[in-house]
Amino acid sequence: MKIGGIEISNPDKILFPKNKITKLQVLKYYESIADKILPFLKNRPLTLHRFPNGINAEGFYQKKASDYFPPFIKTLKIKTKTEEIDQVYCTTKKSLIYLVNQGTIEFHIWLAKKDNLYKPDKVIFDLDPSDGLFKKVIEAALIIKEYLNKKNISPYVMTTGQSGLHIGYNIRRTKTFDSVREEVKEMGKELVKEHPFLFTLEMQKKDREGKIFIDYLRNAYGQTSVCPYSLRANKEAGIATPILWKNIDKLKAGNAYQLANKLKNN
């Protein structure tokens, strides 16, 4: 069996046991949204979250490209603190399907493009409920939107496919990651000052007292955020999904969009 020019291995393997979602169904999902996800993947180093034996078995994060990856899987040299590695980026449907066939469930993207790795073109606010109350996340997201609008910034919002939301916006590639991260940290401090009972910058979960943690550290060299339209390795196969701000009040959870539901409704 071939999909997108790739010979598929073990198409009937169950990757999501609770909902009996097979590898073939995962592959077909990615094939169906290739035109949507590829613009977000293109030209960005990727971290692959692979689960060759399904999400109930131990998975692993992969940054360094495997030696056996074929030539059509594009890579670029990335400097880490200890070495230089060849890291994957994805430009075509064929390469997308190949990586999924290798057991990739989640795609995580850099906040910079390959032609300027040290200067980000995206900023991300990662909002997670420390006490599971998703209504708080929605409240926090709307406050951050209003806060950014006052700074003439037009943010977008996305479900993470898990428990929270990502708020992001695009920036010109003129500043380093260190500079951008400090700016986001200062914004976080202002938000905590204005809304002390809602936001926190405390790193330790035990210190958050049910508040929404503003994770500004994600805005750093080598850090990633989940790619829009990527599946997540949870029971329902949540989908990271961009949404319109006007629809945010309709959300019930960060994993409101799920492959499990899509398959049931088809």
Protein backbone atom coordinates (compact mmCIF):
# COMPACT_ATOMS: atom_id res chain seq x y z
CA MET A 1 0.00 0.00 0.00
CA LYS A 2 1.27 3.46 -0.93
CA ILE A 3 0.23 6.91 0.32
CA GLY A 4 1.82 10.06 -1.14
CA GLY A 5 4.47 7.94 -2.90
CA ILE A 6 5.50 6.16 0.31
CA GLU A 7 5.20 2.41 0.84
CA ILE A 8 3.29 2.07 4.11
CA SER A 9 4.42 -0.42 6.75
CA ASN A 10 2.05 -2.05 9.26
CA PRO A 11 -1.04 -0.01 8.28
CA ASP A 12 -3.29 -1.93 10.69
CA LYS A 13 -1.10 -1.33 13.76
CA ILE A 14 -3.11 0.30 16.55
CA LEU A 15 -1.44 3.57 17.58
CA PHE A 16 -4.22 4.91 19.86
CA PRO A 17 -5.56 1.87 21.75
CA LYS A 18 -8.49 3.52 23.57
CA ASN A 19 -10.15 4.55 20.31
CA LYS A 20 -8.53 1.83 18.19
CA ILE A 21 -7.05 4.38 15.81
CA THR A 22 -4.73 2.67 13.35
CA LYS A 23 -1.52 3.83 11.74
CA LEU A 24 -3.35 3.98 8.40
CA GLN A 25 -5.96 6.33 9.86
CA VAL A 26 -3.20 8.56 11.26
CA LEU A 27 -1.47 8.57 7.88
CA LYS A 28 -4.70 9.42 6.09
CA TYR A 29 -5.32 12.28 8.52
CA TYR A 30 -1.92 13.79 7.77
CA GLU A 31 -2.41 13.22 4.05
CA SER A 32 -5.76 15.04 4.22
CA ILE A 33 -4.33 18.12 5.99
CA ALA A 34 -0.96 18.24 4.23
CA ASP A 35 -1.81 21.49 2.44
CA LYS A 36 -2.69 23.09 5.80
CA ILE A 37 0.21 21.83 7.89
CA LEU A 38 3.06 22.12 5.37
CA PRO A 39 3.16 25.95 5.36
CA PHE A 40 3.80 25.81 9.13
CA LEU A 41 6.42 23.04 8.83
CA LYS A 42 8.34 24.38 5.85
CA ASN A 43 11.79 25.82 6.47
CA ARG A 44 11.69 25.22 10.24
CA PRO A 45 13.81 22.68 12.14
CA LEU A 46 11.58 20.00 13.63
CA THR A 47 11.50 17.89 16.74
CA LEU A 48 9.66 14.68 16.00
CA HIS A 49 7.73 12.92 18.77
CA ARG A 50 7.72 9.31 17.63
CA PHE A 51 5.64 6.39 18.92
CA PRO A 52 6.47 3.43 16.64
CA ASN A 53 4.56 1.02 18.89
CA GLY A 54 1.62 3.27 19.73
CA ILE A 55 1.07 5.86 22.43
CA ASN A 56 0.78 3.29 25.25
CA ALA A 57 4.38 2.26 24.62
CA GLU A 58 7.30 4.54 25.37
CA GLY A 59 7.86 7.17 22.70
CA PHE A 60 10.86 9.41 22.11
CA TYR A 61 11.71 12.89 20.90
CA GLN A 62 14.00 13.01 17.90
CA LYS A 63 16.03 16.03 16.82
CA LYS A 64 18.95 14.40 15.01
CA ALA A 65 17.99 12.87 11.66
CA SER A 66 18.38 9.08 11.46
CA ASP A 67 21.14 7.77 9.21
CA TYR A 68 18.62 5.67 7.29
CA PHE A 69 16.37 8.58 6.33
CA PRO A 70 16.23 8.79 2.50
CA PRO A 71 17.73 11.72 0.55
CA PHE A 72 14.35 13.42 0.03
CA ILE A 73 14.17 14.05 3.80
CA LYS A 74 15.80 17.47 4.04
CA THR A 75 18.12 18.37 6.92
CA LEU A 76 20.14 21.35 8.08
CA LYS A 77 23.08 21.80 10.42
CA ILE A 78 22.07 22.90 13.92
CA LYS A 79 24.56 23.94 16.57
CA THR A 80 23.82 22.74 20.09
CA LYS A 81 25.84 23.40 23.24
CA THR A 82 27.84 20.22 22.73
CA GLU A 83 27.74 19.32 19.02
CA GLU A 84 26.45 20.06 15.54
CA ILE A 85 23.61 17.86 14.35
CA ASP A 86 21.60 17.33 11.18
CA GLN A 87 18.01 18.22 12.00
CA VAL A 88 14.99 17.48 9.83
CA TYR A 89 12.76 20.01 8.15
CA CYS A 90 9.73 19.07 6.08
CA THR A 91 8.80 20.65 2.75
CA THR A 92 6.66 18.13 0.85
CA LYS A 93 3.71 15.81 1.34
CA LYS A 94 6.01 12.87 0.54
CA SER A 95 8.40 13.78 3.38
CA LEU A 96 5.47 14.39 5.75
CA ILE A 97 4.00 10.95 5.03
CA TYR A 98 7.43 9.31 5.34
CA LEU A 99 7.96 10.80 8.81
CA VAL A 100 4.47 9.73 9.94
CA ASN A 101 5.15 6.23 8.59
CA GLN A 102 8.21 6.21 10.88
CA GLY A 103 5.87 6.57 13.85
CA THR A 104 5.83 10.36 14.20
CA ILE A 105 2.62 11.40 15.96
CA GLU A 106 3.57 14.97 16.92
CA PHE A 107 5.45 17.64 14.99
CA HIS A 108 7.10 20.43 17.00
CA ILE A 109 8.48 23.47 15.17
CA TRP A 110 11.16 26.04 15.90
CA LEU A 111 10.16 29.68 16.30
CA ALA A 112 12.79 30.63 13.71
CA LYS A 113 13.31 29.67 10.08
CA LYS A 114 16.31 27.83 8.72
CA ASP A 115 17.82 30.87 6.97
CA ASN A 116 18.04 32.83 10.25
CA LEU A 117 18.07 30.41 13.17
CA TYR A 118 19.11 32.93 15.82
CA LYS A 119 16.35 35.46 15.19
CA PRO A 120 12.76 34.31 15.77
CA ASP A 121 9.81 35.26 13.61
CA LYS A 122 7.19 34.05 16.10
CA VAL A 123 6.35 34.69 19.74
CA ILE A 124 4.37 32.14 21.74
CA PHE A 125 2.43 32.47 25.01
CA ASP A 126 1.81 28.93 26.23
CA LEU A 127 -1.16 28.90 28.62
CA ASP A 128 -1.86 25.85 30.76
CA PRO A 129 -4.42 25.50 33.55
CA SER A 130 -2.68 24.45 36.76
CA ASP A 131 -5.96 23.30 38.27
CA GLY A 132 -7.66 21.92 35.16
CA LEU A 133 -10.15 24.77 34.88
CA PHE A 134 -10.27 25.54 31.17
CA LYS A 135 -12.56 28.55 31.65
CA LYS A 136 -9.61 30.25 33.33
CA VAL A 137 -7.49 29.64 30.25
CA ILE A 138 -10.11 31.27 28.04
CA GLU A 139 -10.32 34.24 30.42
CA ALA A 140 -6.52 34.52 30.39
CA ALA A 141 -6.37 34.30 26.60
CA LEU A 142 -8.88 37.11 26.13
CA ILE A 143 -7.03 39.32 28.61
CA ILE A 144 -3.74 38.70 26.79
CA LYS A 145 -5.39 39.46 23.44
CA GLU A 146 -6.68 42.80 24.78
CA TYR A 147 -3.26 43.53 26.32
CA LEU A 148 -1.47 42.84 23.04
CA ASN A 149 -4.02 44.77 20.99
CA LYS A 150 -3.19 47.85 23.07
CA LYS A 151 0.42 47.38 21.92
CA ASN A 152 -0.79 47.23 18.29
CA ILE A 153 -0.14 43.48 18.13
CA SER A 154 -2.69 41.18 16.50
CA PRO A 155 -2.30 37.72 18.06
CA TYR A 156 -3.77 34.42 16.91
CA VAL A 157 -4.99 31.60 19.12
CA MET A 158 -4.74 27.82 18.85
CA THR A 159 -5.83 24.84 20.90
CA THR A 160 -2.83 22.73 21.81
CA GLY A 161 -4.65 19.42 21.44
CA GLN A 162 -3.94 18.84 25.14
CA SER A 163 -4.96 20.93 28.13
CA GLY A 164 -4.29 24.52 27.12
CA LEU A 165 -4.03 27.19 24.46
CA HIS A 166 -1.24 28.87 22.54
CA ILE A 167 -1.39 32.56 21.76
CA GLY A 168 1.10 33.72 19.21
CA TYR A 169 2.04 36.53 16.89
CA ASN A 170 4.54 37.10 14.11
CA ILE A 171 7.48 39.47 14.43
CA ARG A 172 10.13 40.84 12.11
CA ARG A 173 13.42 38.98 12.34
CA THR A 174 15.45 41.81 13.83
CA LYS A 175 15.98 40.63 17.44
CA THR A 176 17.74 37.70 19.05
CA PHE A 177 15.92 35.05 21.03
CA ASP A 178 17.40 36.41 24.25
CA SER A 179 16.05 39.87 23.52
CA VAL A 180 12.60 38.61 22.54
CA ARG A 181 12.38 36.33 25.59
CA GLU A 182 13.16 39.25 27.90
CA GLU A 183 10.40 41.29 26.23
CA VAL A 184 7.91 38.47 26.73
CA LYS A 185 9.03 38.09 30.34
CA GLU A 186 8.40 41.82 30.93
CA MET A 187 4.96 41.45 29.37
CA GLY A 188 4.35 38.55 31.72
CA LYS A 189 5.34 40.67 34.69
CA GLU A 190 2.92 43.41 33.61
CA LEU A 191 0.10 40.88 33.22
CA VAL A 192 0.83 39.41 36.67
CA LYS A 193 0.81 42.92 38.15
CA GLU A 194 -2.50 43.80 36.49
CA HIS A 195 -4.14 40.43 37.22
CA PRO A 196 -2.36 38.93 40.26
CA PHE A 197 -5.12 36.43 40.98
CA LEU A 198 -5.09 35.00 37.45
CA PHE A 199 -1.49 34.93 36.17
CA THR A 200 1.82 33.67 37.53
CA LEU A 201 5.42 33.36 36.37
CA GLU A 202 6.26 30.75 39.01
CA MET A 203 8.14 27.83 37.47
CA GLN A 204 7.19 25.26 40.10
CA LYS A 205 3.66 23.90 39.79
CA LYS A 206 3.31 23.75 43.56
CA ASP A 207 3.80 27.54 43.71
CA ARG A 208 1.14 28.47 41.15
CA GLU A 209 -1.91 28.32 43.46
CA GLY A 210 -4.33 27.51 40.64
CA LYS A 211 -3.18 30.43 38.48
CA ILE A 212 -2.37 30.44 34.77
CA PHE A 213 1.36 30.06 34.16
CA ILE A 214 2.79 32.29 31.42
CA ASP A 215 5.60 30.22 29.93
CA TYR A 216 7.90 32.84 28.40
CA LEU A 217 10.90 30.44 28.39
CA ARG A 218 9.54 28.75 25.27
CA ASN A 219 10.81 31.77 23.32
CA ALA A 220 14.41 30.58 23.18
CA TYR A 221 16.92 29.21 20.67
CA GLY A 222 16.25 25.54 20.04
CA GLN A 223 12.89 25.55 21.82
CA THR A 224 9.79 24.43 19.94
CA SER A 225 6.03 24.69 19.98
CA VAL A 226 3.55 22.15 18.67
CA CYS A 227 2.78 22.70 14.99
CA PRO A 228 -0.75 23.77 14.03
CA TYR A 229 -2.75 20.71 12.88
CA SER A 230 -0.34 18.26 14.54
CA LEU A 231 -1.86 15.31 16.36
CA ARG A 232 -1.05 14.86 20.05
CA ALA A 233 -0.13 11.61 21.75
CA ASN A 234 -3.13 11.44 24.07
CA LYS A 235 -6.02 8.96 24.22
CA GLU A 236 -8.36 10.89 21.93
CA ALA A 237 -5.62 11.94 19.48
CA GLY A 238 -6.15 15.66 20.12
CA ILE A 239 -5.45 18.02 17.24
CA ALA A 240 -3.66 21.35 17.71
CA THR A 241 -6.14 23.61 15.93
CA PRO A 242 -6.06 27.33 15.05
CA ILE A 243 -9.39 28.96 15.85
CA LEU A 244 -11.04 32.34 15.36
CA TRP A 245 -11.10 34.59 18.41
CA LYS A 246 -14.87 34.95 18.08
CA ASN A 247 -15.22 31.19 18.63
CA ILE A 248 -13.05 30.91 21.73
CA ASP A 249 -15.99 30.97 24.16
CA LYS A 250 -17.37 27.82 22.52
CA LEU A 251 -14.32 25.78 23.50
CA LYS A 252 -14.73 23.21 26.25
CA ALA A 253 -11.10 22.07 26.46
CA GLY A 254 -7.67 22.35 24.92
CA ASN A 255 -8.28 19.02 23.20
CA ALA A 256 -11.70 20.01 21.87
CA TYR A 257 -10.64 18.91 18.39
CA GLN A 258 -9.84 15.21 18.20
CA LEU A 259 -9.11 12.66 15.50
CA ALA A 260 -11.24 10.19 17.50
CA ASN A 261 -14.31 12.42 16.97
CA LYS A 262 -13.51 13.04 13.33
CA LEU A 263 -13.38 9.30 12.68
CA LYS A 264 -16.64 8.67 14.56
CA ASN A 265 -18.43 11.37 12.57
CA ASN A 266 -17.25 10.09 9.18
